[in-house]
Amino acid sequence: MKLLRCPINGLRPVSEFQYAGEIRPMPDPGSCSDADWTDYVFNRNGAPGIKKEWWLHLASGIWFVAERNTATDEVQRTYLHGEDPA
């Protein structure tokens, strides 16, 4: 069984979680061009590597960040948004 560590609830089955996408800097919607906004909304960097991602622990409603290697599907670490992960 694949497991994922929630920063609050500890190691849990991955079926208790929902992936919510890569964390990417959002351009200012009031000042960016239509092309920049379209690129942000519709395009993703699919290159393999370590990505920061939003995850939700469904049982507790806890949102957190996971740093995951998309080439190997190995989670490097998880932490709450705003925490210093070091």
N, C-alpha and C. Protein backbone atom coordinates (compact mmCIF):
# COMPACT_ATOMS: atom_id res chain seq x y z
N MET A 1 0.84 -1.18 0.00
CA MET A 1 0.00 0.00 0.00
C MET A 1 0.89 1.24 0.00
N LYS A 2 0.54 2.20 -0.85
CA LYS A 2 1.28 3.45 -0.92
C LYS A 2 0.85 4.35 0.22
N LEU A 3 1.82 4.98 0.89
CA LEU A 3 1.56 5.84 2.04
C LEU A 3 2.07 7.24 1.76
N LEU A 4 1.41 8.22 2.38
CA LEU A 4 1.81 9.62 2.29
C LEU A 4 1.74 10.19 3.70
N ARG A 5 2.72 11.04 4.04
CA ARG A 5 2.77 11.61 5.39
C ARG A 5 2.05 12.97 5.43
N CYS A 6 0.97 13.02 6.18
CA CYS A 6 0.29 14.29 6.47
C CYS A 6 1.09 14.97 7.58
N PRO A 7 1.38 16.27 7.48
CA PRO A 7 2.16 16.93 8.53
C PRO A 7 1.45 16.95 9.89
N ILE A 8 0.15 16.78 9.91
CA ILE A 8 -0.60 16.80 11.17
C ILE A 8 -0.94 15.37 11.63
N ASN A 9 -1.40 14.53 10.72
CA ASN A 9 -1.92 13.21 11.08
C ASN A 9 -0.94 12.06 10.85
N GLY A 10 0.24 12.34 10.33
CA GLY A 10 1.25 11.31 10.15
C GLY A 10 1.04 10.48 8.90
N LEU A 11 1.67 9.31 8.88
CA LEU A 11 1.66 8.43 7.72
C LEU A 11 0.28 7.80 7.54
N ARG A 12 -0.30 7.99 6.34
CA ARG A 12 -1.66 7.52 6.06
C ARG A 12 -1.70 6.91 4.66
N PRO A 13 -2.67 6.04 4.36
CA PRO A 13 -2.82 5.50 3.00
C PRO A 13 -3.10 6.64 2.01
N VAL A 14 -2.52 6.56 0.84
CA VAL A 14 -2.66 7.61 -0.16
C VAL A 14 -4.11 7.79 -0.60
N SER A 15 -4.93 6.79 -0.39
CA SER A 15 -6.36 6.91 -0.75
C SER A 15 -7.08 7.96 0.11
N GLU A 16 -6.47 8.41 1.21
CA GLU A 16 -7.06 9.45 2.06
C GLU A 16 -6.74 10.86 1.58
N PHE A 17 -6.01 10.97 0.47
CA PHE A 17 -5.54 12.27 0.01
C PHE A 17 -6.05 12.59 -1.39
N GLN A 18 -6.06 13.88 -1.69
CA GLN A 18 -6.39 14.33 -3.03
C GLN A 18 -5.30 15.30 -3.50
N TYR A 19 -4.75 15.02 -4.68
CA TYR A 19 -3.77 15.89 -5.31
C TYR A 19 -4.48 17.11 -5.87
N ALA A 20 -3.90 18.30 -5.68
CA ALA A 20 -4.57 19.51 -6.14
C ALA A 20 -3.71 20.37 -7.05
N GLY A 21 -2.59 19.85 -7.52
CA GLY A 21 -1.81 20.57 -8.51
C GLY A 21 -0.50 21.14 -8.00
N GLU A 22 0.32 21.51 -8.96
CA GLU A 22 1.64 22.08 -8.67
C GLU A 22 1.48 23.51 -8.16
N ILE A 23 2.33 23.89 -7.22
CA ILE A 23 2.36 25.26 -6.72
C ILE A 23 3.20 26.08 -7.69
N ARG A 24 2.58 27.10 -8.26
CA ARG A 24 3.27 27.96 -9.21
C ARG A 24 2.95 29.41 -8.88
N PRO A 25 3.89 30.32 -9.13
CA PRO A 25 3.61 31.73 -8.86
C PRO A 25 2.54 32.26 -9.83
N MET A 26 1.56 32.92 -9.28
CA MET A 26 0.47 33.46 -10.09
C MET A 26 0.79 34.89 -10.51
N PRO A 27 0.63 35.21 -11.79
CA PRO A 27 0.84 36.60 -12.20
C PRO A 27 -0.29 37.48 -11.65
N ASP A 28 -0.03 38.75 -11.53
CA ASP A 28 -1.06 39.69 -11.06
C ASP A 28 -2.15 39.78 -12.12
N PRO A 29 -3.38 39.31 -11.81
CA PRO A 29 -4.43 39.31 -12.83
C PRO A 29 -4.84 40.71 -13.28
N GLY A 30 -4.54 41.72 -12.48
CA GLY A 30 -4.92 43.08 -12.86
C GLY A 30 -3.94 43.76 -13.80
N SER A 31 -2.72 43.24 -13.86
CA SER A 31 -1.72 43.92 -14.68
C SER A 31 -1.04 43.05 -15.73
N CYS A 32 -1.26 41.73 -15.69
CA CYS A 32 -0.59 40.87 -16.67
C CYS A 32 -1.35 40.88 -18.00
N SER A 33 -0.66 40.48 -19.04
CA SER A 33 -1.29 40.43 -20.37
C SER A 33 -2.22 39.21 -20.45
N ASP A 34 -3.10 39.23 -21.43
CA ASP A 34 -3.98 38.09 -21.65
C ASP A 34 -3.17 36.82 -21.95
N ALA A 35 -2.07 36.98 -22.68
CA ALA A 35 -1.22 35.83 -23.02
C ALA A 35 -0.57 35.24 -21.77
N ASP A 36 -0.10 36.11 -20.86
CA ASP A 36 0.50 35.61 -19.61
C ASP A 36 -0.53 34.90 -18.74
N TRP A 37 -1.74 35.46 -18.66
CA TRP A 37 -2.79 34.84 -17.85
C TRP A 37 -3.21 33.49 -18.45
N THR A 38 -3.35 33.44 -19.78
CA THR A 38 -3.70 32.20 -20.47
C THR A 38 -2.64 31.14 -20.23
N ASP A 39 -1.37 31.54 -20.29
CA ASP A 39 -0.27 30.61 -20.04
C ASP A 39 -0.36 30.05 -18.62
N TYR A 40 -0.64 30.91 -17.64
CA TYR A 40 -0.74 30.46 -16.25
C TYR A 40 -1.91 29.49 -16.05
N VAL A 41 -3.05 29.79 -16.64
CA VAL A 41 -4.25 28.98 -16.43
C VAL A 41 -4.17 27.63 -17.15
N PHE A 42 -3.67 27.62 -18.37
CA PHE A 42 -3.80 26.42 -19.20
C PHE A 42 -2.52 25.60 -19.39
N ASN A 43 -1.36 26.18 -19.17
CA ASN A 43 -0.11 25.46 -19.47
C ASN A 43 0.61 25.04 -18.20
N ARG A 44 1.20 23.87 -18.24
CA ARG A 44 1.97 23.33 -17.12
C ARG A 44 3.33 22.87 -17.62
N ASN A 45 4.29 22.86 -16.71
CA ASN A 45 5.61 22.33 -17.02
C ASN A 45 5.59 20.84 -16.70
N GLY A 46 5.59 20.02 -17.72
CA GLY A 46 5.51 18.58 -17.52
C GLY A 46 6.86 17.90 -17.38
N ALA A 47 7.94 18.67 -17.30
CA ALA A 47 9.27 18.07 -17.18
C ALA A 47 9.38 17.34 -15.85
N PRO A 48 9.97 16.14 -15.86
CA PRO A 48 10.12 15.41 -14.61
C PRO A 48 11.11 16.10 -13.68
N GLY A 49 10.90 15.93 -12.40
CA GLY A 49 11.77 16.52 -11.39
C GLY A 49 11.01 16.73 -10.10
N ILE A 50 11.64 17.41 -9.16
CA ILE A 50 11.00 17.67 -7.87
C ILE A 50 10.08 18.88 -8.00
N LYS A 51 8.81 18.66 -7.67
CA LYS A 51 7.79 19.71 -7.76
C LYS A 51 7.16 19.93 -6.38
N LYS A 52 6.80 21.18 -6.12
CA LYS A 52 6.01 21.48 -4.91
C LYS A 52 4.55 21.40 -5.32
N GLU A 53 3.77 20.62 -4.56
CA GLU A 53 2.38 20.35 -4.93
C GLU A 53 1.45 20.57 -3.74
N TRP A 54 0.22 20.98 -4.05
CA TRP A 54 -0.84 21.05 -3.06
C TRP A 54 -1.45 19.67 -2.89
N TRP A 55 -1.66 19.24 -1.65
CA TRP A 55 -2.36 18.00 -1.33
C TRP A 55 -3.35 18.30 -0.21
N LEU A 56 -4.43 17.55 -0.21
CA LEU A 56 -5.48 17.67 0.81
C LEU A 56 -5.67 16.33 1.49
N HIS A 57 -5.60 16.33 2.83
CA HIS A 57 -5.96 15.12 3.58
C HIS A 57 -7.47 15.17 3.77
N LEU A 58 -8.17 14.31 3.06
CA LEU A 58 -9.63 14.36 3.00
C LEU A 58 -10.29 14.13 4.36
N ALA A 59 -9.73 13.25 5.16
CA ALA A 59 -10.36 12.92 6.45
C ALA A 59 -10.34 14.09 7.43
N SER A 60 -9.32 14.92 7.37
CA SER A 60 -9.21 16.02 8.34
C SER A 60 -9.37 17.40 7.72
N GLY A 61 -9.33 17.49 6.39
CA GLY A 61 -9.44 18.79 5.73
C GLY A 61 -8.16 19.60 5.78
N ILE A 62 -7.03 18.96 6.04
CA ILE A 62 -5.75 19.65 6.14
C ILE A 62 -5.12 19.78 4.76
N TRP A 63 -4.85 21.03 4.35
CA TRP A 63 -4.11 21.30 3.12
C TRP A 63 -2.64 21.41 3.47
N PHE A 64 -1.77 20.85 2.63
CA PHE A 64 -0.34 20.91 2.88
C PHE A 64 0.43 20.85 1.57
N VAL A 65 1.73 21.07 1.69
CA VAL A 65 2.64 21.05 0.54
C VAL A 65 3.44 19.76 0.59
N ALA A 66 3.55 19.10 -0.56
CA ALA A 66 4.43 17.94 -0.69
C ALA A 66 5.45 18.25 -1.77
N GLU A 67 6.71 17.96 -1.48
CA GLU A 67 7.74 18.05 -2.51
C GLU A 67 7.94 16.64 -3.02
N ARG A 68 7.60 16.42 -4.31
CA ARG A 68 7.58 15.07 -4.87
C ARG A 68 8.39 15.04 -6.16
N ASN A 69 9.19 13.98 -6.29
CA ASN A 69 9.93 13.74 -7.52
C ASN A 69 8.96 13.08 -8.48
N THR A 70 8.59 13.78 -9.54
CA THR A 70 7.59 13.25 -10.47
C THR A 70 8.16 12.15 -11.37
N ALA A 71 9.48 12.03 -11.43
CA ALA A 71 10.08 10.95 -12.22
C ALA A 71 10.01 9.61 -11.49
N THR A 72 10.16 9.65 -10.17
CA THR A 72 10.18 8.41 -9.38
C THR A 72 8.94 8.26 -8.49
N ASP A 73 8.12 9.31 -8.40
CA ASP A 73 6.94 9.37 -7.54
C ASP A 73 7.32 9.26 -6.06
N GLU A 74 8.54 9.63 -5.71
CA GLU A 74 8.99 9.61 -4.32
C GLU A 74 8.74 10.97 -3.68
N VAL A 75 8.08 10.98 -2.53
CA VAL A 75 7.83 12.22 -1.80
C VAL A 75 9.05 12.52 -0.94
N GLN A 76 9.64 13.69 -1.15
CA GLN A 76 10.83 14.10 -0.42
C GLN A 76 10.48 14.56 0.99
N ARG A 77 9.42 15.39 1.09
CA ARG A 77 8.96 15.89 2.40
C ARG A 77 7.59 16.53 2.25
N THR A 78 6.91 16.67 3.37
CA THR A 78 5.61 17.34 3.42
C THR A 78 5.64 18.34 4.57
N TYR A 79 4.90 19.44 4.41
CA TYR A 79 4.85 20.45 5.45
C TYR A 79 3.64 21.36 5.20
N LEU A 80 3.22 22.06 6.24
CA LEU A 80 2.12 23.01 6.13
C LEU A 80 2.59 24.25 5.38
N HIS A 81 1.71 24.83 4.59
CA HIS A 81 2.05 26.06 3.86
C HIS A 81 2.45 27.14 4.86
N GLY A 82 3.56 27.81 4.59
CA GLY A 82 4.03 28.86 5.47
C GLY A 82 5.07 28.38 6.46
N GLU A 83 5.20 27.09 6.66
CA GLU A 83 6.23 26.56 7.54
C GLU A 83 7.56 26.53 6.81
N ASP A 84 8.63 26.68 7.55
CA ASP A 84 9.97 26.54 6.98
C ASP A 84 10.28 25.06 6.93
N PRO A 85 10.38 24.46 5.72
CA PRO A 85 10.56 23.02 5.63
C PRO A 85 11.95 22.54 5.99
N ALA A 86 12.90 23.44 6.17
CA ALA A 86 14.29 23.01 6.43
C ALA A 86 14.48 22.51 7.84
